[in-house]
Protein backbone atom coordinates (compact mmCIF):
# COMPACT_ATOMS: atom_id res chain seq x y z
CA MET A 1 8.57 -10.10 -16.00
CA ARG A 2 8.52 -13.43 -12.76
CA VAL A 3 6.06 -11.91 -9.38
CA THR A 4 5.06 -13.92 -6.62
CA ILE A 5 2.15 -11.83 -4.68
CA THR A 6 0.98 -12.61 -0.98
CA GLY A 7 -1.98 -12.28 0.34
CA SER A 8 -3.47 -13.71 -3.22
CA ASP A 9 -6.81 -14.26 -1.41
CA GLY A 10 -7.52 -10.61 0.18
CA LEU A 11 -9.23 -7.72 -1.69
CA ILE A 12 -6.44 -5.90 -2.91
CA GLY A 13 -5.20 -9.92 -4.13
CA GLY A 14 -8.10 -9.99 -6.09
CA ILE A 15 -8.26 -6.78 -7.80
CA LEU A 16 -4.89 -7.37 -9.09
CA ARG A 17 -5.66 -11.08 -9.89
CA SER A 18 -8.50 -9.79 -12.57
CA GLY A 19 -6.71 -7.04 -13.91
CA LEU A 20 -2.75 -7.56 -13.58
CA SER A 21 -1.31 -6.99 -17.48
CA ASP A 22 -0.04 -10.12 -19.04
CA ARG A 23 3.27 -8.18 -19.05
CA PHE A 24 3.67 -9.82 -15.29
CA GLU A 25 3.87 -13.88 -14.80
CA PRO A 26 2.09 -14.26 -11.64
CA ARG A 27 2.34 -17.01 -8.69
CA TRP A 28 -0.46 -16.13 -5.75
CA LEU A 29 0.83 -16.94 -2.06
CA SER A 30 -2.05 -17.19 0.09
CA ARG A 31 -1.87 -18.09 3.87
CA SER A 32 -1.96 -21.73 3.18
CA ASP A 33 0.61 -21.51 0.59
CA ALA A 34 2.82 -19.79 2.78
CA ASP A 35 2.33 -18.16 6.14
CA LEU A 36 4.37 -15.08 6.91
CA MET A 37 6.01 -16.91 9.87
CA ASP A 38 7.62 -19.43 8.03
CA LEU A 39 10.17 -17.84 7.40
CA ALA A 40 11.61 -21.04 5.05
CA ALA A 41 8.36 -21.57 3.27
CA LEU A 42 8.72 -18.40 2.10
CA GLU A 43 12.41 -18.28 0.80
CA ARG A 44 10.82 -21.17 -1.47
CA GLY A 45 7.02 -18.90 -2.95
CA PHE A 46 9.49 -16.86 -3.45
CA ALA A 47 11.91 -19.15 -5.47
CA GLY A 48 12.99 -17.80 -8.83
CA SER A 49 10.92 -14.78 -8.80
CA ASP A 50 12.07 -11.44 -10.05
CA ALA A 51 10.07 -9.22 -7.76
CA VAL A 52 7.26 -9.76 -5.04
CA VAL A 53 4.93 -8.32 -4.38
CA LEU A 54 3.86 -7.63 0.34
CA LEU A 55 0.41 -7.08 0.18
CA ALA A 56 -0.36 -10.51 3.01
CA ALA A 57 -0.93 -8.37 6.75
CA ASN A 58 -3.61 -7.71 9.30
CA ALA A 59 -4.95 -4.84 7.46
CA ASP A 60 -7.25 -3.83 10.64
CA ASN A 61 -6.77 -0.61 11.16
CA ASN A 62 -8.38 -1.37 14.98
CA ALA A 63 -6.55 -4.34 15.57
CA SER A 64 -4.68 -4.95 19.31
CA TRP A 65 -1.09 -5.06 19.65
CA ASP A 66 -1.43 -9.21 19.54
CA GLN A 67 -3.59 -9.21 16.49
CA LEU A 68 -0.80 -7.09 14.35
CA LEU A 69 2.62 -8.58 15.47
CA ASP A 70 3.17 -11.34 13.92
CA ALA A 71 1.99 -10.68 10.41
CA ASN A 72 2.49 -6.71 10.22
CA VAL A 73 5.79 -6.79 11.80
CA ILE A 74 7.29 -10.67 11.60
CA GLY A 75 6.14 -11.04 8.67
CA ALA A 76 7.06 -7.72 7.63
CA TYR A 77 10.79 -8.71 8.18
CA ASN A 78 10.17 -12.88 6.92
CA ALA A 79 9.13 -11.38 4.12
CA PHE A 80 11.92 -9.22 2.95
CA GLU A 81 14.22 -11.41 4.45
CA ALA A 82 13.18 -14.25 2.30
CA ALA A 83 12.85 -12.34 -0.42
CA ARG A 84 17.15 -11.41 -0.25
CA ARG A 85 17.98 -14.74 0.15
CA ALA A 86 15.59 -16.37 -2.48
CA GLY A 87 17.42 -13.40 -5.23
CA VAL A 88 14.41 -11.57 -5.34
CA ALA A 89 15.29 -8.34 -7.18
CA ARG A 90 12.51 -5.90 -6.17
CA VAL A 91 9.78 -6.22 -3.23
CA VAL A 92 6.59 -4.30 -3.41
CA PHE A 93 5.04 -3.08 -0.12
CA ALA A 94 1.18 -2.96 0.46
CA SER A 95 1.93 0.13 3.02
CA SER A 96 -1.18 1.96 4.34
CA ASN A 97 -1.92 5.54 4.40
CA HIS A 98 -2.59 4.79 8.32
CA ALA A 99 0.95 5.31 8.32
CA VAL A 100 0.69 9.12 8.37
CA GLY A 101 -3.55 9.64 9.31
CA MET A 102 -2.63 12.23 11.78
CA HIS A 103 -2.04 14.57 9.22
CA MET A 104 -6.38 13.99 8.65
CA TRP A 105 -6.72 15.22 12.07
CA ASP A 106 -5.05 19.08 11.00
CA ASP A 107 -7.83 21.35 10.70
CA ASP A 108 -5.22 23.90 9.26
CA ARG A 109 -4.03 21.48 6.39
CA PHE A 110 -8.02 21.09 5.16
CA ALA A 111 -8.55 25.25 5.57
CA ASP A 112 -9.36 25.76 2.15
CA ALA A 113 -11.84 21.89 1.42
CA ALA A 114 -11.66 21.81 -2.37
CA HIS A 115 -7.86 22.73 -2.10
CA PRO A 116 -5.82 21.06 1.27
CA VAL A 117 -2.75 20.88 1.48
CA GLU A 118 -1.59 18.16 0.28
CA VAL A 119 0.88 15.51 2.01
CA THR A 120 4.09 14.07 0.37
CA SER A 121 5.36 10.20 0.83
CA ASP A 122 8.45 12.73 2.74
CA ALA A 123 5.74 14.06 5.37
CA GLN A 124 6.77 13.04 8.74
CA VAL A 125 5.19 9.82 9.54
CA ARG A 126 1.95 9.98 12.05
CA PRO A 127 0.74 6.58 12.45
CA ASP A 128 -3.37 7.17 13.34
CA SER A 129 -3.01 3.39 14.98
CA LEU A 130 -1.57 0.36 16.04
CA TYR A 131 -1.95 -0.88 12.29
CA GLY A 132 -0.69 2.21 10.69
CA ALA A 133 2.95 2.33 13.39
CA THR A 134 2.93 -0.89 11.92
CA LYS A 135 2.45 -0.43 8.35
CA ALA A 136 5.83 2.57 9.24
CA TRP A 137 7.58 -0.32 10.36
CA GLY A 138 7.71 -2.34 7.46
CA GLU A 139 8.59 0.96 5.84
CA ALA A 140 11.72 1.40 7.58
CA VAL A 141 12.60 -2.70 7.20
CA ALA A 142 12.16 -1.96 3.54
CA ARG A 143 15.06 1.01 3.43
CA LEU A 144 16.93 -1.09 5.35
CA TYR A 145 16.62 -4.21 2.41
CA ALA A 146 17.23 -1.10 -0.11
CA GLU A 147 20.11 -0.05 1.23
CA GLN A 148 21.60 -2.54 2.92
CA HIS A 149 21.36 -5.52 0.82
CA GLY A 150 20.39 -4.00 -2.60
CA ILE A 151 16.51 -4.68 -2.53
CA ALA A 152 14.44 -2.40 -4.82
CA ALA A 153 12.20 -2.06 -2.82
CA VAL A 154 8.43 0.86 -2.98
CA CYS A 155 6.55 0.93 -0.12
CA LEU A 156 2.34 2.48 -1.60
CA ARG A 157 0.66 3.74 1.08
CA ILE A 158 -2.34 2.09 -0.32
CA GLY A 159 -5.90 4.98 0.27
CA TRP A 160 -9.36 3.53 0.45
CA VAL A 161 -9.76 0.56 -1.06
CA THR A 162 -13.91 -0.55 -1.49
CA LYS A 163 -15.12 -4.12 -2.14
CA ASP A 164 -17.80 -2.72 -5.54
CA GLY A 165 -14.45 0.08 -6.86
CA ARG A 166 -16.58 2.29 -6.42
CA PRO A 167 -16.37 6.04 -5.09
CA PRO A 168 -17.48 5.89 -1.22
CA SER A 169 -20.99 7.34 -0.10
CA SER A 170 -22.03 9.27 2.63
CA THR A 171 -23.78 6.09 4.14
CA ASP A 172 -20.48 4.71 3.93
CA MET A 173 -19.59 7.66 6.08
CA ARG A 174 -22.69 7.58 8.66
CA SER A 175 -20.73 5.67 11.60
CA GLU A 176 -17.31 7.68 11.06
CA PRO A 177 -16.77 11.37 13.41
CA PRO A 178 -17.47 14.99 11.20
CA HIS A 179 -13.93 15.72 10.52
CA VAL A 180 -13.49 12.03 9.13
CA ALA A 181 -16.41 12.14 6.74
CA ARG A 182 -15.83 15.30 5.71
CA ARG A 183 -11.75 14.03 4.59
CA ALA A 184 -11.89 10.07 3.78
CA PRO A 185 -13.08 10.71 0.81
CA GLY A 186 -10.41 12.09 -0.15
CA MET A 187 -8.33 8.56 -0.40
CA TRP A 188 -10.49 6.84 -2.22
CA LEU A 189 -8.15 4.66 -4.22
CA SER A 190 -10.17 2.93 -8.00
CA HIS A 191 -9.44 -0.55 -8.53
CA ARG A 192 -8.00 0.89 -12.26
CA ASP A 193 -5.31 3.24 -10.34
CA CYS A 194 -5.10 0.21 -7.98
CA VAL A 195 -3.68 -2.15 -10.89
CA SER A 196 -1.47 0.84 -13.16
CA LEU A 197 -0.18 1.91 -10.03
CA VAL A 198 1.38 -1.82 -8.78
CA GLU A 199 2.16 -2.36 -12.10
CA ALA A 200 4.11 0.40 -12.12
CA ALA A 201 6.06 0.36 -9.62
CA LEU A 202 7.65 -3.61 -10.43
CA ALA A 203 8.57 -1.27 -13.49
CA ALA A 204 10.07 1.39 -12.47
CA ASP A 205 13.69 2.17 -12.57
CA VAL A 206 13.76 3.04 -9.05
CA THR A 207 16.11 1.88 -5.65
CA PHE A 208 13.69 3.00 -2.67
CA ALA A 209 10.27 4.80 -3.02
CA ILE A 210 7.54 5.42 -1.11
CA VAL A 211 4.86 6.80 -3.24
CA ASN A 212 0.89 7.47 -2.10
CA GLY A 213 -1.99 5.58 -3.76
CA VAL A 214 -5.12 7.28 -3.81
CA SER A 215 -7.25 8.13 -7.47
CA ASP A 216 -6.67 11.99 -8.55
CA ASN A 217 -10.02 13.11 -6.33
CA ALA A 218 -11.86 16.14 -5.27
CA GLY A 219 -10.96 17.04 -2.18
CA ARG A 220 -7.64 14.26 -2.40
CA TRP A 221 -4.92 15.90 0.22
CA PHE A 222 -2.23 13.31 -0.98
CA SER A 223 0.00 14.29 -3.50
CA LEU A 224 0.38 12.36 -6.74
CA ASP A 225 4.14 13.99 -7.14
CA GLU A 226 6.31 11.22 -5.85
CA GLY A 227 3.93 8.52 -8.18
CA ARG A 228 4.45 10.62 -11.42
CA ARG A 229 8.18 11.84 -10.76
CA LYS A 230 9.68 8.25 -9.34
CA LEU A 231 7.24 5.52 -10.70
CA GLY A 232 5.36 7.49 -13.73
CA TRP A 233 1.84 6.51 -12.45
CA GLN A 234 -1.18 9.24 -13.10
CA PRO A 235 -3.98 7.74 -12.06
CA VAL A 236 -7.08 7.68 -14.45
CA ASP A 237 -9.83 7.72 -11.59
CA GLY A 238 -11.04 10.08 -9.56
CA THR A 239 -14.03 11.62 -7.46
CA PRO A 240 -15.95 14.89 -8.87
CA GLU A 241 -16.78 15.57 -6.31
CA TRP A 242 -17.65 14.35 -2.40
CA ARG A 243 -20.95 12.37 -1.76
């Protein structure tokens, strides 16, 4: 499968570059190759591809509207429209847990800290930031192009991916509010599980799906059922306990 990967110079792009299996023939696009604001350049970059993995975005969940508008709103539309024009059959969209991040603030959900009530992929969209809202917009664009233009679209609500691939520690949580410090480690996604998730999204027989992307962590509050059922994906890593 010929796969074009945007945002190839970012964290997840680097993880895929080192881990993607030889079942896929990748084409790596950085911003210098094709800017998300340049629809024609994206169409040229996607030409001849069977699938596109859309990683390119402003990934700062504290970013302002002005900082997010180009890459995350206009850029998401441009990428899907370029894929349509280039005849791409599938787009894997890197969404985020922040599209539903306000569920983490529900104390009732975490009454049993070891076994929280899980958030499924069809749960109400509840962004915790403007960044999260732009990812919800991207998911909506993905569904539009799946249902009106026949592009298979898989949206991955990616959890917490650390640079070194290790689970988050208490040190990582020092600056966070107490409820975040207790609950965010359940969002960890290992590098190995990240690669296998993207590969499953590229290969699954599915027209449209939203799937949670977290490892099988203790205290996990994102459901893995949709990933198993829709993509045949099962993470192999997970935190045994919160540290």
